[in-house]
Protein backbone atom coordinates (compact mmCIF):
# COMPACT_ATOMS: atom_id res chain seq x y z
CA MET A 1 -20.11 69.37 -277.28
CA THR A 2 -21.17 68.00 -273.89
CA GLN A 3 -19.03 66.64 -271.09
CA LEU A 4 -20.40 63.23 -272.06
CA ASN A 5 -18.91 63.38 -275.52
CA THR A 6 -15.49 64.03 -274.04
CA PHE A 7 -15.58 61.67 -271.05
CA SER A 8 -12.87 59.48 -272.57
CA VAL A 9 -10.41 62.38 -272.52
CA VAL A 10 -9.88 62.26 -268.81
CA VAL A 11 -6.90 64.61 -268.86
CA ARG A 12 -9.30 67.47 -269.52
CA ILE A 13 -10.90 67.05 -266.12
CA ALA A 14 -9.41 69.31 -263.49
CA VAL A 15 -8.38 67.55 -260.33
CA VAL A 16 -9.74 69.87 -257.69
CA THR A 17 -8.85 69.58 -254.04
CA VAL A 18 -12.03 69.93 -252.02
CA THR A 19 -12.97 69.50 -248.42
CA VAL A 20 -14.98 66.38 -247.72
CA PRO A 21 -16.48 65.38 -244.38
CA CYS A 22 -13.92 64.08 -241.88
CA PHE A 23 -15.00 61.90 -238.99
CA ALA A 24 -12.15 61.52 -236.54
CA THR A 25 -13.75 59.59 -233.68
CA THR A 26 -16.45 57.00 -233.11
CA ASN A 27 -18.56 59.76 -231.50
CA ASP A 28 -19.02 61.13 -235.02
CA LEU A 29 -20.50 57.94 -236.47
CA GLU A 30 -24.07 59.16 -236.55
CA ARG A 31 -22.97 62.31 -238.35
CA ALA A 32 -21.02 60.16 -240.80
CA ILE A 33 -24.16 58.16 -241.59
CA LEU A 34 -26.35 61.22 -242.01
CA SER A 35 -23.71 62.83 -244.24
CA PHE A 36 -23.82 59.99 -246.76
CA PRO A 37 -24.96 61.53 -250.07
CA GLU A 38 -28.16 60.80 -251.94
CA VAL A 39 -27.44 57.90 -254.29
CA SER A 40 -29.02 59.51 -257.36
CA ALA A 41 -26.08 60.43 -259.59
CA SER A 42 -27.25 64.04 -259.89
CA GLU A 43 -26.68 64.43 -256.12
CA TYR A 44 -24.07 61.75 -255.40
CA ARG A 45 -20.34 62.23 -254.81
CA PRO A 46 -18.02 59.20 -254.57
CA ASP A 47 -15.53 61.03 -252.33
CA VAL A 48 -18.18 62.04 -249.79
CA ALA A 49 -19.57 58.50 -249.79
CA VAL A 50 -16.07 57.15 -249.14
CA ALA A 51 -15.57 59.55 -246.22
CA SER A 52 -18.73 58.26 -244.54
CA ALA A 53 -17.91 54.60 -245.20
CA ASN A 54 -14.34 54.96 -243.96
CA ALA A 55 -15.51 56.46 -240.67
CA LEU A 56 -17.54 53.33 -239.99
CA ILE A 57 -14.80 50.98 -241.19
CA THR A 58 -12.33 52.67 -238.86
CA ALA A 59 -14.74 52.28 -235.92
CA GLY A 60 -15.12 48.55 -236.54
CA GLU A 61 -18.18 46.39 -237.11
CA GLU A 62 -19.56 46.41 -233.57
CA ALA A 63 -19.64 50.20 -233.22
CA ALA A 64 -20.62 50.75 -236.85
CA SER A 65 -23.53 48.30 -236.87
CA ALA A 66 -24.82 49.55 -233.51
CA THR A 67 -24.89 53.13 -234.77
CA LEU A 68 -26.45 52.11 -238.10
CA GLU A 69 -29.22 50.30 -236.21
CA GLN A 70 -29.74 53.25 -233.89
CA VAL A 71 -30.06 55.65 -236.82
CA ALA A 72 -32.29 53.20 -238.72
CA THR A 73 -34.75 52.79 -235.85
CA SER A 74 -34.95 56.40 -234.66
CA GLN A 75 -38.39 57.98 -234.95
CA ARG A 76 -38.45 60.65 -237.68
CA GLU A 77 -40.85 62.35 -240.06
CA LEU A 78 -41.97 60.04 -242.86
CA ASN A 79 -40.08 61.68 -245.76
CA ASN A 80 -36.92 62.15 -243.73
CA SER A 81 -37.18 58.59 -242.45
CA TYR A 82 -37.15 57.16 -245.98
CA GLN A 83 -34.13 59.26 -246.96
CA ILE A 84 -32.20 58.18 -243.87
CA ALA A 85 -33.18 54.55 -244.42
CA GLN A 86 -31.61 54.80 -247.87
CA LYS A 87 -28.39 56.17 -246.38
CA VAL A 88 -28.21 53.25 -243.93
CA CYS A 89 -28.91 50.68 -246.63
CA HIS A 90 -26.42 52.17 -249.07
CA LEU A 91 -23.71 52.31 -246.41
CA CYS A 92 -24.39 48.65 -245.63
CA ARG A 93 -23.89 47.94 -249.32
CA LEU A 94 -20.40 49.45 -249.16
CA LEU A 95 -19.47 48.06 -245.75
CA TYR A 96 -20.39 44.40 -246.18
CA ARG A 97 -18.87 42.03 -248.72
CA PRO A 98 -19.96 38.48 -249.68
CA LYS A 99 -18.55 35.64 -247.61
CA THR A 100 -17.61 33.78 -250.77
CA ALA A 101 -17.30 34.72 -254.42
CA SER A 102 -20.23 32.45 -255.28
CA GLU A 103 -22.64 33.98 -252.74
CA LEU A 104 -23.47 37.55 -253.73
CA LEU A 105 -25.21 39.92 -251.36
CA ARG A 106 -28.49 41.18 -252.76
CA PRO A 107 -29.14 44.92 -253.00
CA PRO A 108 -31.60 46.59 -250.60
CA ARG A 109 -35.21 46.42 -251.73
CA LEU A 110 -35.81 50.13 -252.10
CA GLY A 111 -37.44 50.07 -255.54
CA GLY A 112 -36.47 49.67 -259.18
CA LEU A 113 -33.64 51.75 -260.60
CA SER A 114 -35.36 54.56 -262.45
CA GLY A 115 -34.25 55.05 -266.04
CA MET A 116 -31.88 52.09 -266.00
CA PRO A 117 -32.25 48.89 -268.06
CA TYR A 118 -32.69 46.89 -264.89
CA ASN A 119 -33.83 43.65 -266.52
CA SER A 120 -30.44 43.23 -268.21
CA MET A 121 -28.39 44.25 -265.15
CA ASN A 122 -27.47 40.74 -264.04
CA ALA A 123 -26.24 40.35 -260.48
CA SER A 124 -23.08 38.59 -261.65
CA ASP A 125 -22.17 41.63 -263.78
CA TRP A 126 -23.43 44.23 -261.31
CA PRO A 127 -22.77 42.73 -257.85
CA ASP A 128 -22.83 46.06 -255.96
CA LEU A 129 -26.00 47.76 -257.23
CA PRO A 130 -26.98 50.53 -256.87
CA PHE A 131 -23.19 51.03 -257.10
CA ALA A 132 -20.50 49.89 -259.45
CA VAL A 133 -17.30 49.62 -257.42
CA VAL A 134 -14.36 50.04 -259.80
CA ASP A 135 -10.77 50.28 -258.51
CA ASP A 136 -12.32 50.78 -255.06
CA VAL A 137 -14.30 53.79 -256.29
CA PRO A 138 -18.03 53.39 -255.46
CA LEU A 139 -19.84 54.93 -258.43
CA SER A 140 -23.60 55.37 -258.42
CA MET A 141 -25.55 53.55 -261.11
CA SER A 142 -28.78 55.16 -259.97
CA LEU A 143 -30.97 57.96 -261.28
CA GLY A 144 -33.31 57.37 -258.37
CA TYR A 145 -35.82 54.69 -257.40
CA ASN A 146 -39.28 53.77 -258.62
CA LEU A 147 -41.06 52.28 -255.65
CA ALA A 148 -44.34 50.42 -255.98
CA GLY A 149 -45.21 49.27 -252.52
CA LYS A 150 -43.23 49.49 -249.31
CA ALA A 151 -39.45 49.79 -249.07
CA GLU A 152 -37.43 47.30 -247.06
CA LEU A 153 -36.73 48.46 -243.52
CA ALA A 154 -33.15 49.59 -243.09
CA LYS A 155 -32.76 47.57 -239.88
CA ASN A 156 -33.81 44.43 -241.77
CA TYR A 157 -31.26 45.02 -244.53
CA LEU A 158 -28.57 45.65 -241.92
CA ALA A 159 -29.47 42.34 -240.25
CA TYR A 160 -29.34 40.58 -243.62
CA CYS A 161 -25.87 41.98 -244.36
CA LYS A 162 -24.56 41.04 -240.91
CA THR A 163 -25.83 37.47 -241.31
CA ASN A 164 -24.80 36.88 -244.89
CA GLY A 165 -21.77 39.14 -245.35
CA VAL A 166 -18.46 40.09 -243.81
CA PHE A 167 -17.59 43.57 -242.65
CA ARG A 168 -15.00 45.37 -244.73
CA THR A 169 -11.77 46.05 -242.83
CA HIS A 170 -9.68 48.04 -245.32
CA LEU A 171 -10.42 51.68 -246.05
CA TYR A 172 -11.54 52.98 -249.40
CA PRO A 173 -8.93 55.30 -250.95
CA VAL A 174 -10.44 58.78 -251.26
CA PRO A 175 -10.84 59.28 -255.02
CA THR A 176 -9.90 62.42 -256.93
CA SER A 177 -11.88 63.70 -259.90
CA LEU A 178 -9.39 62.05 -262.24
CA VAL A 179 -9.55 58.69 -260.47
CA ALA A 180 -13.35 58.78 -260.45
CA SER A 181 -13.52 59.70 -264.14
CA ASN A 182 -11.15 56.86 -265.04
CA ALA A 183 -13.31 54.44 -263.04
CA PHE A 184 -16.43 55.75 -264.78
CA ASN A 185 -14.82 55.20 -268.17
CA LYS A 186 -14.06 51.61 -267.20
CA VAL A 187 -17.74 51.07 -266.45
CA LEU A 188 -18.79 52.46 -269.82
CA ASN A 189 -16.20 50.36 -271.65
CA SER A 190 -17.00 47.17 -269.74
CA ALA A 191 -18.67 44.10 -271.20
CA ALA A 192 -21.37 44.47 -268.54
CA TRP A 193 -22.32 47.94 -269.79
CA LYS A 194 -22.13 46.97 -273.45
CA SER A 195 -24.49 44.04 -272.87
CA LEU A 196 -27.26 46.25 -271.44
CA LYS A 197 -30.54 46.26 -273.36
CA TRP A 198 -31.84 49.81 -273.46
CA LYS A 199 -35.09 48.73 -275.08
CA ASP A 200 -36.63 45.62 -273.56
CA GLU A 201 -39.95 44.10 -272.65
CA GLY A 202 -41.57 41.12 -271.01
CA VAL A 203 -44.90 40.04 -269.54
CA GLY A 204 -46.38 43.09 -267.83
CA TRP A 205 -43.38 45.38 -268.30
CA HIS A 206 -41.41 47.26 -270.92
CA TYR A 207 -38.97 50.16 -271.18
CA ASP A 208 -37.22 52.18 -273.85
CA HIS A 209 -34.37 54.20 -272.31
CA ASN A 210 -31.96 56.64 -273.88
CA GLU A 211 -28.41 55.41 -273.26
CA GLY A 212 -26.85 58.79 -274.06
CA PHE A 213 -29.09 60.57 -271.58
CA VAL A 214 -28.30 58.02 -268.86
CA LYS A 215 -24.56 58.43 -269.43
CA GLU A 216 -24.90 62.18 -269.16
CA MET A 217 -26.85 61.91 -265.92
CA LEU A 218 -24.41 59.42 -264.39
CA TRP A 219 -21.50 61.63 -265.42
CA GLN A 220 -22.76 64.34 -263.06
CA GLN A 221 -21.33 62.50 -260.04
CA VAL A 222 -17.84 63.03 -261.44
CA GLU A 223 -18.53 66.66 -262.33
CA ARG A 224 -19.74 67.34 -258.79
CA MET A 225 -16.36 66.29 -257.38
CA GLY A 226 -14.89 69.50 -258.80
CA LYS A 227 -17.24 71.52 -256.63
CA ALA A 228 -17.31 72.10 -252.90
CA PRO A 229 -19.71 69.67 -251.18
CA ILE A 230 -22.95 70.92 -249.72
CA GLN A 231 -22.53 71.55 -246.01
CA GLN A 232 -24.50 69.11 -243.90
CA LYS A 233 -26.69 70.65 -241.21
């Protein structure tokens, strides 16, 4: 029996106290950005993501946005540049909220969500993609990106969020394994998840995804919270 088959029995998950990055001053903001985890669920950790986001929230919008722009526009090697651009964009996604309930912020244009039934993931049901924020726990709904073309520049997405959103002022509570697993269960039991079409097609596109496999892959982000985080260099 896999972890996936028992995800509803949350009491079986050990709540492990682990050390996550701590960013005490605004001088650590660049390190907080670079420490944001890869969004693919096999690498992602909600608690580490929260630690990075909270450092920027604590610093305030002016300092946070200035550092995000600095990191986004720094000259780096091509592969590293794309990874860091994703970190900036994903932090923006967690730091900026819509100005009104009727005006959702779009996700960064970094590619299609690999392995996910993207055509049935309506923005009204999934307003925080590539995350699902449940009980203030930012869970990844990503197995990675499929990019055909050129990704949106991180500085452009930051500018979009600053113009069309409002900066979050209250901190995310740091989730435990149990809290994250409960939030994940809520996603799987939600009407939004149950309405997903795992086999779908249209003009010029089609997909046939395995829901069980996707659940198992997404579940890894909760499992990883019981392990010590990888030390950032």
